[in-house]
Each structure stands twice: as C-alpha cells, then as structure tokens.
Amino acid sequence: MKTMKRLLAVTIFLSLMGLLLASAVPAEEMKPKATFDFNKFPDMSDFDPNQPVEPGGDTIKIAIVASFSGPAAAVGEIYYACVAWAAHTINKQGGLMVDGKKKMVQVFKADGQSKPDVTKKVTERMILQENVDFLWGTNGSHLQKVINQVADKYKKISVNAASLSDELQEGQDFSRYSFMTTFSTEQIGRTAAYYYGQVRKKEKKFYILCQDYLFGHSMAEAFKKGIKEYYPEAEIVGEDYHKLFLTDFAPYLTKIKASGAEVVYTGDWIPDAANLLKQARQMGITLPFVDIFMNEPRFLVEVGIEGTKGLVNIGQYGIGNPAFRNEEQIKYHKAWQNARTKWKAPYDTVLYTHPSGNIGAYITSVYWLLSVVERAASTDPDKIIKVWEDDVYQGPSGNVYKMRACDHKQIGLLTVQEYVPPEEQKQSYNIPPYYWFKDCSNAGPVHEVPIEKNLPKADPTLCK
C-alpha cells in the first residue's frame, strides 16, 4: 500500500509539473503555500445539512448571501450544503485559533430572493445585526456586484464563489475586500474555444444562447474572443439572449434548428439550463451544448442517457482523468457519500451523490477561505487580504489555485469533460461502481487545458 501511495504521489507530481511547465505560469508561482490536509480530515458521518450543529460562543461567522426562496431557491440549498460541510470539517477538528482564541465556524443563511434591492438589505443586516466576518455568494453577477459594494462600504471580506463575470473585479467595481474564488467568464469562453479549435477540431458552426444580463453577455464575449484567438476558421451562426427564469425556449430553439449550428454555447444556470436542454430534446434537437451549469444530475436523469450524451462541460474542480489519484481522495469522497445516506429532503436526491463538480468547487472555496483565516490567525480584513493576495492553495481534488494579487481573480487549471454513457465513464470515475451516474451520461474523456490558455482577463489599470 505504501509503495502504491508513493507511485501515485509521484504520478500526480509529474503530471502537475508537466502542466505548469507547459504554461506561461512558472511552476514556482503555482507551488502551494497551503494544502487541504487529509490527515486532519475528521469523521463526518454525523454531518446533516438539515440538522446543522450550531456552535455557541464567539465564532467565525460566514453569511451565505443567495437565493433561498423563489425560482432559484435550489441554488441556495446547494450553497448551504457546501459551506456547512466545510464549516463542519473545521469544527470537528476543534476550530481555528483566531485573534488569540479558538473559534468554531458558524454559517448564516441570507436570502436575497434573486433581487438586487433585497440582496442589499439582507447583506447589510448580516453585517450590522449579525456581525458576520465574511460574505459568501452568489447566483448572479448583478447580485454579487451589490454584495461587493456593501462589503466595501463596511470593510468586510466578500468571497465570490459563484458569480463569474470578469467585470466584477475590474475598474471601479474592483474592491480590495472582494475575492473571486471561481473561474471567470473569460477563462470559460477561451477554454471552450481552445477545446474545439485546438483539441477536437471538428465542429465549426456555433450558436450562442445566454441569459440577458451582465453574466450572459460576458460569457458570449469571452467565447467570441476565444474563437478569434484559437479557432478563427469557425463561425458564429447565431447569437441570442433571453430573460432569466424563462419557461418557453421554443422561439430560440426554432432559430437554432434553422441556423445550421453544430454546437450551442450557453452559460445558463438552473432552472434555465434544465428547461433549455429538456425542451431542446423534446423538439428533436440533438446538438451538443457546451456549458458550465448544464450538469445538474436531477434534470440530466430526466433527459436520460441518450439525451445527455455528447454534452460538453467545462470544470474548475478536478485535474483530469482519473478523478481519484490516491487513497486519501477516495476516503474523502466516500465520507460525503456515507454521510448523505441519512439525509432527508431536499438533500436526498441524486444531485448530492458526489462532492465534486460545482459542489466540489464551492466546498473548496470555503476550505481556502478558512485556510487563509488560519494562517492569518485573524478575521481582521487587512490581515486576510495580506495572506490571500498571491496565495496558492491545493484543494481536495488536487487542483491548485492562485489568487492573483492585482485584481483578486483565481488562476487554475480548467478541464473539458465529454459526456458519455455509464459504461464509458470508468476512465474518469475509477472506483466502484465505475460510473458517475447510471441513468444519464456524464464525464468520460476529460481534457486538461493549460493554464496559460485560460488566464482570466486582467484590467491593465490594476495589473500593470
């Protein structure tokens, strides 16, 4: 067993070094300053997002500012499970030494209802009444912008783990108190274009369909930029934007069907992503979608194996195939799966089968934040900023993330996953039962895109 572990460790090291040496980012710049410590990972069998253990006394307070009601309530549900899991990990380890005392982590729900005005009010309430240390969110760049503005006003750290528009960290919108712990639209668009132009080299006609707000337009512009850079012979045959929470995609799908497109590029998130794919398949449109959020297993299962075959998902959590490189990663993965056997609604669905993908990325963002808190030995914003700028952290998946100091954007390896039927998923899911999901297609071939090919956009007034 020890020999196997050594061989696996060497394999991971050489793989990571190869990726870094192939990129424009020097290897020493991506050397982790902190790593998720599997040796300290506790027994998590008692974790239940429906029955959180609320710590008493003086705590490290994290407010999840997100939609816990309304059409996007499922998003808040996901966020809470992720943040609570990470907090429970730290609490089971005994907490963190902060400002001279040992403190547990406490998590608050702040329902923004997908509305900017409500988001502002609830964020201010979290700061002024609950006295939270950190704000964590959210579903929608227009909402994250509001959170960042409030955080800047009150000098609180805002952790953007789910809103992907580069503009949030640029120009007048940049705040030294906000940190982007997620891939950005620029990275996603360029990664998609690189995959089709430099790796796959088949389809040449693309249709862009995104949500009609800052994030959707940013996603589209990034893909068009990537096409010019990596696939100039390709053609954008159509480009449309739809309102949020649309229920009837037929007019757009009819245009897509008539356009001659070979691939549809979208940044749609739930529930729009689900409705888009389901209605496309109902209309007989079998084109592949390249996406980031069209990976929610509840609706993938509804669409079925054939309907989800050929989807292309861009991810930030893993480091390619196989998904599990050592016994520690397997143990961590199984800890989540064992805990979830006792969870009740709404956490008893296929969505929560794996602590990977977007769920894994959200969890990692919290582990990274708490690692920074531990090393800063404080929740003081200035001390957090000092540690987090130029920090490099390795999460449970083995992926390594850097916080670029000039604009507080995350740099890291991205992957492109091709969805295949269950019997072909073993190349990715390399432990029993050797498939991610039995009732839908999911990750099979996984392509690693060099870091230099997907660096986030840098505002020249900030990054000189």
Protein backbone atom coordinates (compact mmCIF):
# COMPACT_ATOMS: atom_id res chain seq x y z
CA MET A 1 0.00 0.00 0.00
CA LYS A 2 2.84 2.40 0.86
CA THR A 3 4.53 1.66 -2.47
CA MET A 4 1.27 2.32 -4.31
CA LYS A 5 0.86 5.63 -2.50
CA ARG A 6 4.41 6.67 -3.39
CA LEU A 7 3.85 5.82 -7.05
CA LEU A 8 0.56 7.72 -7.11
CA ALA A 9 2.16 10.72 -5.42
CA VAL A 10 4.98 10.74 -7.98
CA THR A 11 2.45 10.46 -10.81
CA ILE A 12 0.45 13.42 -9.55
CA PHE A 13 3.58 15.48 -9.01
CA LEU A 14 4.93 14.81 -12.50
CA SER A 15 1.53 15.46 -14.06
CA LEU A 16 1.18 18.79 -12.26
CA MET A 17 4.73 19.81 -13.10
CA GLY A 18 4.14 18.99 -16.74
CA LEU A 19 1.05 21.17 -16.82
CA LEU A 20 2.83 24.06 -15.20
CA LEU A 21 5.94 23.84 -17.36
CA ALA A 22 3.74 23.80 -20.44
CA SER A 23 2.11 27.04 -19.41
CA ALA A 24 3.23 30.63 -19.20
CA VAL A 25 2.78 30.50 -15.44
CA PRO A 26 6.11 29.49 -13.86
CA ALA A 27 5.90 26.35 -11.72
CA GLU A 28 7.22 28.16 -8.67
CA GLU A 29 4.30 30.61 -8.88
CA MET A 30 1.84 27.72 -8.55
CA LYS A 31 3.62 25.93 -5.72
CA PRO A 32 1.03 25.57 -2.92
CA LYS A 33 1.54 27.63 0.20
CA ALA A 34 -1.21 25.60 1.87
CA THR A 35 -2.83 22.26 1.08
CA PHE A 36 -6.02 20.56 2.17
CA ASP A 37 -4.80 18.29 4.98
CA PHE A 38 -6.28 14.82 4.58
CA ASN A 39 -4.53 13.74 7.79
CA LYS A 40 -6.73 16.12 9.78
CA PHE A 41 -9.94 15.22 7.94
CA PRO A 42 -12.37 14.13 10.69
CA ASP A 43 -15.21 11.65 10.93
CA MET A 44 -18.02 13.40 9.03
CA SER A 45 -20.66 10.71 9.46
CA ASP A 46 -22.74 13.00 11.70
CA PHE A 47 -22.96 15.81 9.16
CA ASP A 48 -26.50 16.60 8.04
CA PRO A 49 -27.34 19.87 6.23
CA ASN A 50 -30.88 19.62 7.58
CA GLN A 51 -29.66 19.39 11.16
CA PRO A 52 -26.59 21.61 11.45
CA VAL A 53 -24.71 21.68 14.72
CA GLU A 54 -24.75 25.34 15.74
CA PRO A 55 -21.62 26.29 17.69
CA GLY A 56 -22.01 28.60 20.63
CA GLY A 57 -19.88 31.43 21.93
CA ASP A 58 -17.62 33.66 19.89
CA THR A 59 -17.48 32.26 16.36
CA ILE A 60 -16.12 32.86 12.87
CA LYS A 61 -19.29 33.95 11.08
CA ILE A 62 -19.95 33.31 7.39
CA ALA A 63 -23.13 34.58 5.73
CA ILE A 64 -24.27 32.85 2.55
CA VAL A 65 -25.98 35.61 0.58
CA ALA A 66 -28.02 33.78 -2.05
CA SER A 67 -31.48 32.80 -3.23
CA PHE A 68 -33.13 30.61 -0.61
CA SER A 69 -36.62 31.33 -1.96
CA GLY A 70 -38.17 31.98 -5.35
CA PRO A 71 -37.34 30.32 -8.68
CA ALA A 72 -33.63 29.89 -7.84
CA ALA A 73 -34.14 28.51 -4.32
CA ALA A 74 -32.41 25.26 -5.28
CA VAL A 75 -29.19 27.22 -5.69
CA GLY A 76 -29.24 28.42 -2.08
CA GLU A 77 -29.93 24.85 -1.00
CA ILE A 78 -26.77 23.69 -2.79
CA TYR A 79 -24.64 26.53 -1.43
CA TYR A 80 -25.70 25.83 2.13
CA ALA A 81 -24.76 22.15 1.99
CA CYS A 82 -21.32 23.07 0.64
CA VAL A 83 -20.49 25.84 3.11
CA ALA A 84 -21.91 23.87 6.03
CA TRP A 85 -19.85 20.79 5.08
CA ALA A 86 -16.62 22.82 5.11
CA ALA A 87 -17.57 24.53 8.38
CA HIS A 88 -18.40 21.18 9.98
CA THR A 89 -15.00 19.85 8.90
CA ILE A 90 -13.21 22.64 10.72
CA ASN A 91 -15.46 22.43 13.78
CA LYS A 92 -14.89 18.68 14.11
CA GLN A 93 -11.17 19.45 14.08
CA GLY A 94 -11.66 21.78 17.04
CA GLY A 95 -11.95 25.11 15.25
CA LEU A 96 -9.29 27.67 14.38
CA MET A 97 -7.04 29.83 16.56
CA VAL A 98 -8.21 33.33 15.72
CA ASP A 99 -7.24 36.56 17.44
CA GLY A 100 -5.84 34.69 20.42
CA LYS A 101 -8.72 32.26 20.97
CA LYS A 102 -10.06 29.03 19.48
CA LYS A 103 -13.20 29.68 17.45
CA MET A 104 -15.72 27.47 15.70
CA VAL A 105 -17.31 28.37 12.34
CA GLN A 106 -20.94 29.49 12.21
CA VAL A 107 -22.96 29.69 8.98
CA PHE A 108 -25.89 32.04 8.31
CA LYS A 109 -28.47 31.97 5.53
CA ALA A 110 -29.16 35.38 3.97
CA ASP A 111 -31.99 35.14 1.44
CA GLY A 112 -31.52 37.66 -1.35
CA GLN A 113 -34.51 36.27 -3.29
CA SER A 114 -32.65 36.89 -6.60
CA LYS A 115 -33.48 40.60 -6.20
CA PRO A 116 -30.79 43.34 -6.02
CA ASP A 117 -32.68 45.51 -3.52
CA VAL A 118 -33.38 42.59 -1.19
CA THR A 119 -29.79 41.39 -1.56
CA LYS A 120 -28.53 44.80 -0.43
CA LYS A 121 -30.82 44.87 2.60
CA VAL A 122 -30.07 41.36 3.76
CA THR A 123 -26.32 41.84 3.28
CA GLU A 124 -26.38 44.97 5.41
CA ARG A 125 -28.42 43.14 8.04
CA MET A 126 -25.85 40.34 8.17
CA ILE A 127 -23.10 42.88 8.79
CA LEU A 128 -24.86 45.30 11.13
CA GLN A 129 -27.05 42.92 13.13
CA GLU A 130 -25.38 39.51 12.92
CA ASN A 131 -21.87 40.96 12.82
CA VAL A 132 -20.65 38.39 10.29
CA ASP A 133 -16.99 38.26 9.34
CA PHE A 134 -17.39 37.03 5.76
CA LEU A 135 -19.95 37.26 2.98
CA TRP A 136 -20.11 34.27 0.60
CA GLY A 137 -22.11 34.13 -2.64
CA THR A 138 -23.84 34.11 -5.08
CA ASN A 139 -26.10 33.24 -8.01
CA GLY A 140 -25.92 36.19 -10.38
CA SER A 141 -23.17 38.70 -11.16
CA HIS A 142 -25.65 41.56 -10.80
CA LEU A 143 -26.31 40.35 -7.25
CA GLN A 144 -22.65 39.73 -6.46
CA LYS A 145 -21.91 43.30 -7.50
CA VAL A 146 -24.31 44.50 -4.82
CA ILE A 147 -22.71 42.25 -2.19
CA ASN A 148 -19.25 43.52 -3.11
CA GLN A 149 -20.40 47.13 -2.85
CA VAL A 150 -21.84 46.59 0.62
CA ALA A 151 -18.71 44.69 1.69
CA ASP A 152 -16.53 47.53 0.50
CA LYS A 153 -18.64 50.10 2.36
CA TYR A 154 -18.36 48.25 5.66
CA LYS A 155 -14.87 46.84 5.07
CA LYS A 156 -15.87 43.18 5.19
CA ILE A 157 -14.41 40.38 3.11
CA SER A 158 -16.66 39.24 0.26
CA VAL A 159 -15.98 35.79 -1.20
CA ASN A 160 -17.35 35.44 -4.71
CA ALA A 161 -17.54 31.68 -5.27
CA ALA A 162 -20.23 31.52 -7.93
CA SER A 163 -20.59 34.73 -9.99
CA LEU A 164 -18.31 34.56 -12.97
CA SER A 165 -18.24 37.95 -14.73
CA ASP A 166 -14.71 39.33 -15.00
CA GLU A 167 -16.09 42.84 -14.72
CA LEU A 168 -16.80 42.29 -11.02
CA GLN A 169 -13.07 42.62 -10.32
CA GLU A 170 -12.26 45.38 -12.79
CA GLY A 171 -12.20 49.18 -12.94
CA GLN A 172 -14.37 50.97 -10.43
CA ASP A 173 -16.05 47.70 -9.47
CA PHE A 174 -12.82 46.31 -8.01
CA SER A 175 -12.60 46.29 -4.24
CA ARG A 176 -9.68 45.15 -2.14
CA TYR A 177 -12.24 43.43 0.11
CA SER A 178 -13.64 41.14 -2.58
CA PHE A 179 -12.02 37.88 -3.70
CA MET A 180 -13.08 35.77 -6.68
CA THR A 181 -12.69 32.08 -5.81
CA THR A 182 -14.16 30.79 -9.06
CA PHE A 183 -13.25 30.60 -12.70
CA SER A 184 -14.37 33.59 -14.75
CA THR A 185 -16.26 34.10 -18.00
CA GLU A 186 -13.03 34.96 -19.82
CA GLN A 187 -11.48 31.67 -18.76
CA ILE A 188 -14.58 29.67 -19.68
CA GLY A 189 -15.06 31.20 -23.11
CA ARG A 190 -11.43 30.84 -24.10
CA THR A 191 -11.29 27.28 -22.74
CA ALA A 192 -14.32 26.28 -24.83
CA ALA A 193 -12.84 27.83 -27.95
CA TYR A 194 -9.46 26.22 -27.30
CA TYR A 195 -11.06 22.79 -26.92
CA TYR A 196 -13.00 22.99 -30.18
CA GLY A 197 -10.24 24.70 -32.17
CA GLN A 198 -7.09 23.05 -30.83
CA VAL A 199 -8.22 19.71 -29.36
CA ARG A 200 -11.41 18.44 -31.02
CA LYS A 201 -11.03 20.18 -34.42
CA LYS A 202 -14.38 19.03 -35.84
CA GLU A 203 -17.40 21.29 -35.42
CA LYS A 204 -17.10 24.79 -36.91
CA LYS A 205 -20.57 26.35 -36.59
CA PHE A 206 -21.60 27.67 -33.18
CA TYR A 207 -24.75 29.28 -31.80
CA ILE A 208 -24.57 31.42 -28.64
CA LEU A 209 -27.60 31.44 -26.32
CA CYS A 210 -27.14 33.08 -22.93
CA GLN A 211 -29.11 34.85 -20.22
CA ASP A 212 -29.73 38.55 -20.83
CA TYR A 213 -27.73 40.24 -18.08
CA LEU A 214 -24.10 41.00 -17.28
CA PHE A 215 -23.01 37.38 -16.86
CA GLY A 216 -24.65 36.13 -20.06
CA HIS A 217 -23.15 38.87 -22.19
CA SER A 218 -19.74 38.37 -20.58
CA MET A 219 -19.92 34.65 -21.37
CA ALA A 220 -20.72 35.38 -25.00
CA GLU A 221 -17.98 37.97 -25.46
CA ALA A 222 -15.41 35.65 -23.92
CA PHE A 223 -16.32 32.82 -26.31
CA LYS A 224 -16.19 35.11 -29.34
CA LYS A 225 -12.80 36.34 -28.20
CA GLY A 226 -11.61 32.76 -27.78
CA ILE A 227 -12.85 31.78 -31.24
CA LYS A 228 -10.82 34.60 -32.81
CA GLU A 229 -7.77 33.50 -30.85
CA TYR A 230 -7.93 29.71 -31.13
CA TYR A 231 -10.36 28.85 -33.93
CA PRO A 232 -10.52 31.69 -36.49
CA GLU A 233 -11.94 29.42 -39.19
CA ALA A 234 -15.04 28.76 -37.05
CA GLU A 235 -18.29 30.69 -37.48
CA ILE A 236 -20.82 32.11 -35.04
CA VAL A 237 -24.08 31.39 -36.90
CA GLY A 238 -26.38 32.96 -34.32
CA GLU A 239 -26.40 34.88 -31.04
CA ASP A 240 -29.35 35.40 -28.71
CA TYR A 241 -30.08 36.42 -25.12
CA HIS A 242 -33.14 35.50 -23.08
CA LYS A 243 -34.62 36.78 -19.84
CA LEU A 244 -33.89 35.00 -16.57
CA PHE A 245 -36.22 32.18 -15.49
CA LEU A 246 -37.64 31.73 -18.98
CA THR A 247 -40.11 28.85 -19.29
CA ASP A 248 -40.59 28.71 -23.07
CA PHE A 249 -37.41 28.32 -25.14
CA ALA A 250 -39.24 27.28 -28.34
CA PRO A 251 -38.66 30.58 -30.24
CA TYR A 252 -34.91 30.41 -29.61
CA LEU A 253 -34.65 26.69 -30.30
CA THR A 254 -36.50 27.12 -33.59
CA LYS A 255 -33.87 29.66 -34.68
CA ILE A 256 -31.08 27.35 -33.56
CA LYS A 257 -32.58 24.47 -35.54
CA ALA A 258 -32.71 26.60 -38.71
CA SER A 259 -29.23 28.10 -38.27
CA GLY A 260 -27.15 25.10 -39.25
CA ALA A 261 -25.32 25.24 -35.93
CA GLU A 262 -23.31 22.21 -34.86
CA VAL A 263 -22.83 23.26 -31.21
CA VAL A 264 -24.75 25.52 -28.82
CA TYR A 265 -22.68 27.55 -26.35
CA THR A 266 -24.50 28.64 -23.18
CA GLY A 267 -23.80 29.87 -19.67
CA ASP A 268 -27.35 29.25 -18.45
CA TRP A 269 -27.76 28.15 -14.85
CA ILE A 270 -30.60 26.40 -13.07
CA PRO A 271 -33.54 26.46 -13.70
CA ASP A 272 -32.89 27.89 -17.19
CA ALA A 273 -30.25 25.29 -18.07
CA ALA A 274 -32.64 22.45 -17.27
CA ASN A 275 -35.54 23.91 -19.22
CA LEU A 276 -33.30 24.68 -22.19
CA LEU A 277 -31.92 21.16 -22.50
CA LYS A 278 -35.21 19.37 -21.85
CA GLN A 279 -37.10 21.48 -24.38
CA ALA A 280 -34.33 21.12 -26.96
CA ARG A 281 -34.51 17.34 -26.75
CA GLN A 282 -38.32 17.42 -26.83
CA MET A 283 -38.12 19.39 -30.08
CA GLY A 284 -35.78 16.79 -31.58
CA ILE A 285 -32.69 18.99 -31.35
CA THR A 286 -29.80 16.65 -30.52
CA LEU A 287 -26.99 19.19 -30.84
CA PRO A 288 -24.33 19.18 -28.13
CA PHE A 289 -24.34 22.04 -25.64
CA VAL A 290 -21.04 23.32 -24.25
CA ASP A 291 -21.76 24.65 -20.78
CA ILE A 292 -20.77 25.08 -17.15
CA PHE A 293 -24.07 24.54 -15.31
CA MET A 294 -25.83 22.01 -17.54
CA ASN A 295 -24.50 19.27 -15.28
CA GLU A 296 -27.20 19.14 -12.59
CA PRO A 297 -27.90 15.39 -12.28
CA ARG A 298 -31.56 15.71 -11.31
CA PHE A 299 -32.55 17.02 -14.72
CA LEU A 300 -29.85 15.06 -16.55
CA VAL A 301 -31.54 11.89 -15.30
CA GLU A 302 -34.88 13.23 -16.53
CA VAL A 303 -33.41 13.74 -20.00
CA GLY A 304 -31.79 10.30 -19.93
CA ILE A 305 -28.62 8.69 -21.22
CA GLU A 306 -29.11 9.40 -24.93
CA GLY A 307 -30.35 12.95 -24.39
CA THR A 308 -27.30 13.89 -22.33
CA LYS A 309 -24.74 12.04 -24.43
CA GLY A 310 -22.35 14.47 -26.14
CA LEU A 311 -22.78 17.35 -23.71
CA VAL A 312 -19.53 19.19 -23.02
CA ASN A 313 -18.94 20.64 -19.55
CA ILE A 314 -16.14 22.98 -18.53
CA GLY A 315 -15.00 22.47 -14.94
CA GLN A 316 -12.64 24.01 -12.41
CA TYR A 317 -12.60 21.35 -9.69
CA GLY A 318 -10.67 18.33 -10.93
CA ILE A 319 -7.35 17.79 -12.66
CA GLY A 320 -8.31 15.33 -15.39
CA ASN A 321 -8.51 11.56 -15.54
CA PRO A 322 -8.73 9.55 -13.45
CA ALA A 323 -10.69 11.53 -10.88
CA PHE A 324 -9.16 9.73 -7.90
CA ARG A 325 -5.37 9.58 -7.65
CA ASN A 326 -4.81 8.33 -4.09
CA GLU A 327 -6.45 6.66 -1.10
CA GLU A 328 -6.96 9.97 0.68
CA GLN A 329 -9.11 11.36 -2.14
CA ILE A 330 -11.15 8.16 -2.19
CA LYS A 331 -11.66 8.32 1.58
CA TYR A 332 -12.78 11.95 1.36
CA HIS A 333 -15.21 11.17 -1.45
CA LYS A 334 -16.70 8.22 0.42
CA ALA A 335 -17.06 10.27 3.61
CA TRP A 336 -19.54 12.53 1.78
CA GLN A 337 -21.34 9.57 0.24
CA ASN A 338 -21.62 7.76 3.56
CA ALA A 339 -22.96 10.85 5.33
CA ARG A 340 -25.59 11.53 2.67
CA THR A 341 -27.26 8.14 3.14
CA LYS A 342 -29.03 9.64 6.16
CA TRP A 343 -30.03 12.98 4.61
CA LYS A 344 -33.71 13.80 4.10
CA ALA A 345 -35.39 16.13 1.60
CA PRO A 346 -34.27 18.27 -0.08
CA TYR A 347 -30.83 16.68 0.23
CA ASP A 348 -31.86 13.09 -0.55
CA THR A 349 -31.69 13.40 -4.34
CA VAL A 350 -29.18 12.29 -6.96
CA LEU A 351 -27.82 15.87 -7.03
CA TYR A 352 -25.85 15.22 -3.86
CA THR A 353 -24.28 11.92 -4.93
CA HIS A 354 -20.77 13.35 -5.29
CA PRO A 355 -18.78 16.15 -3.59
CA SER A 356 -17.28 17.13 -6.95
CA GLY A 357 -18.07 19.34 -9.92
CA ASN A 358 -19.65 22.64 -8.93
CA ILE A 359 -20.36 21.30 -5.44
CA GLY A 360 -16.69 20.41 -5.04
CA ALA A 361 -15.64 23.85 -6.23
CA TYR A 362 -17.94 25.60 -3.75
CA ILE A 363 -16.65 23.47 -0.87
CA THR A 364 -13.05 24.14 -1.88
CA SER A 365 -13.65 27.90 -1.89
CA VAL A 366 -14.67 27.69 1.78
CA TYR A 367 -11.73 25.46 2.70
CA TRP A 368 -9.46 28.03 1.03
CA LEU A 369 -11.05 30.91 2.93
CA LEU A 370 -10.69 29.11 6.25
CA SER A 371 -7.11 28.16 5.44
CA VAL A 372 -6.39 31.86 4.92
CA VAL A 373 -8.10 32.66 8.25
CA GLU A 374 -5.99 30.03 10.00
CA ARG A 375 -2.74 31.36 8.55
CA ALA A 376 -3.70 34.97 9.23
CA ALA A 377 -4.72 33.89 12.75
CA SER A 378 -7.40 36.54 12.49
CA THR A 379 -10.65 37.60 10.84
CA ASP A 380 -9.33 41.15 10.52
CA PRO A 381 -9.86 42.13 6.84
CA ASP A 382 -6.43 43.71 6.42
CA LYS A 383 -4.70 40.58 7.73
CA ILE A 384 -6.87 38.37 5.50
CA ILE A 385 -6.01 40.47 2.45
CA LYS A 386 -2.30 40.29 3.22
CA VAL A 387 -2.35 36.48 3.32
CA TRP A 388 -4.78 35.89 0.46
CA GLU A 389 -3.10 38.08 -2.15
CA ASP A 390 -0.76 35.85 -4.21
CA ASP A 391 -1.76 32.85 -2.09
CA VAL A 392 -1.65 29.40 -3.69
CA TYR A 393 -3.89 26.64 -2.34
CA GLN A 394 -4.30 22.99 -3.24
CA GLY A 395 -7.80 21.61 -2.65
CA PRO A 396 -9.08 18.05 -2.08
CA SER A 397 -9.21 17.27 -5.82
CA GLY A 398 -5.51 18.01 -6.25
CA ASN A 399 -6.15 21.13 -8.31
CA VAL A 400 -4.06 24.17 -7.39
CA TYR A 401 -5.46 27.69 -7.29
CA LYS A 402 -3.69 31.03 -7.11
CA MET A 403 -5.23 34.34 -6.02
CA ARG A 404 -3.82 36.96 -8.37
CA ALA A 405 -2.88 39.89 -6.19
CA CYS A 406 -3.57 42.72 -8.63
CA ASP A 407 -7.27 42.00 -9.14
CA HIS A 408 -8.15 39.16 -6.74
CA LYS A 409 -9.04 36.70 -9.52
CA GLN A 410 -8.48 32.96 -9.27
CA ILE A 411 -6.00 31.25 -11.59
CA GLY A 412 -6.13 27.49 -12.01
CA LEU A 413 -6.32 24.51 -14.31
CA LEU A 414 -9.61 24.04 -16.19
CA THR A 415 -10.89 20.81 -17.72
CA VAL A 416 -13.27 19.97 -20.54
CA GLN A 417 -15.45 16.92 -19.89
CA GLU A 418 -17.16 14.98 -22.66
CA TYR A 419 -20.35 13.25 -21.51
CA VAL A 420 -20.63 9.56 -22.35
CA PRO A 421 -22.92 6.67 -21.29
CA PRO A 422 -22.34 4.97 -17.90
CA GLU A 423 -20.31 2.07 -19.31
CA GLU A 424 -17.74 4.55 -20.67
CA GLN A 425 -17.40 6.65 -17.50
CA LYS A 426 -14.83 4.34 -15.87
CA GLN A 427 -11.99 6.31 -17.48
CA SER A 428 -12.99 9.17 -15.18
CA TYR A 429 -14.75 7.53 -12.23
CA ASN A 430 -12.07 4.95 -11.45
CA ILE A 431 -13.58 3.44 -8.30
CA PRO A 432 -16.63 1.16 -7.90
CA PRO A 433 -19.24 1.31 -9.38
CA TYR A 434 -17.08 2.83 -12.14
CA TYR A 435 -19.62 5.38 -13.32
CA TRP A 436 -20.68 8.79 -12.07
CA PHE A 437 -24.37 8.18 -12.74
CA LYS A 438 -26.16 5.11 -14.08
CA ASP A 439 -29.20 6.91 -15.52
CA CYS A 440 -27.55 9.67 -17.54
CA SER A 441 -24.40 10.36 -19.49
CA ASN A 442 -21.58 12.07 -17.61
CA ALA A 443 -17.85 12.67 -17.67
CA GLY A 444 -15.79 10.19 -19.64
CA PRO A 445 -12.90 11.72 -21.60
CA VAL A 446 -11.53 14.75 -19.73
CA HIS A 447 -9.17 17.20 -21.40
CA GLU A 448 -6.85 19.44 -19.37
CA VAL A 449 -6.41 22.93 -20.78
CA PRO A 450 -3.02 24.52 -19.99
CA ILE A 451 -3.23 27.38 -17.52
CA GLU A 452 -1.73 29.85 -19.98
CA LYS A 453 -4.63 29.22 -22.37
CA ASN A 454 -7.30 30.27 -19.89
CA LEU A 455 -5.85 33.03 -17.73
CA PRO A 456 -8.56 35.43 -16.50
CA LYS A 457 -8.73 38.83 -18.13
CA ALA A 458 -6.51 41.41 -16.44
CA ASP A 459 -7.55 45.03 -16.14
CA PRO A 460 -4.45 46.98 -17.26
CA THR A 461 -5.19 49.75 -14.77
CA LEU A 462 -4.95 47.18 -11.94
CA CYS A 463 -2.49 44.60 -13.28
CA LYS A 464 0.48 46.52 -14.58
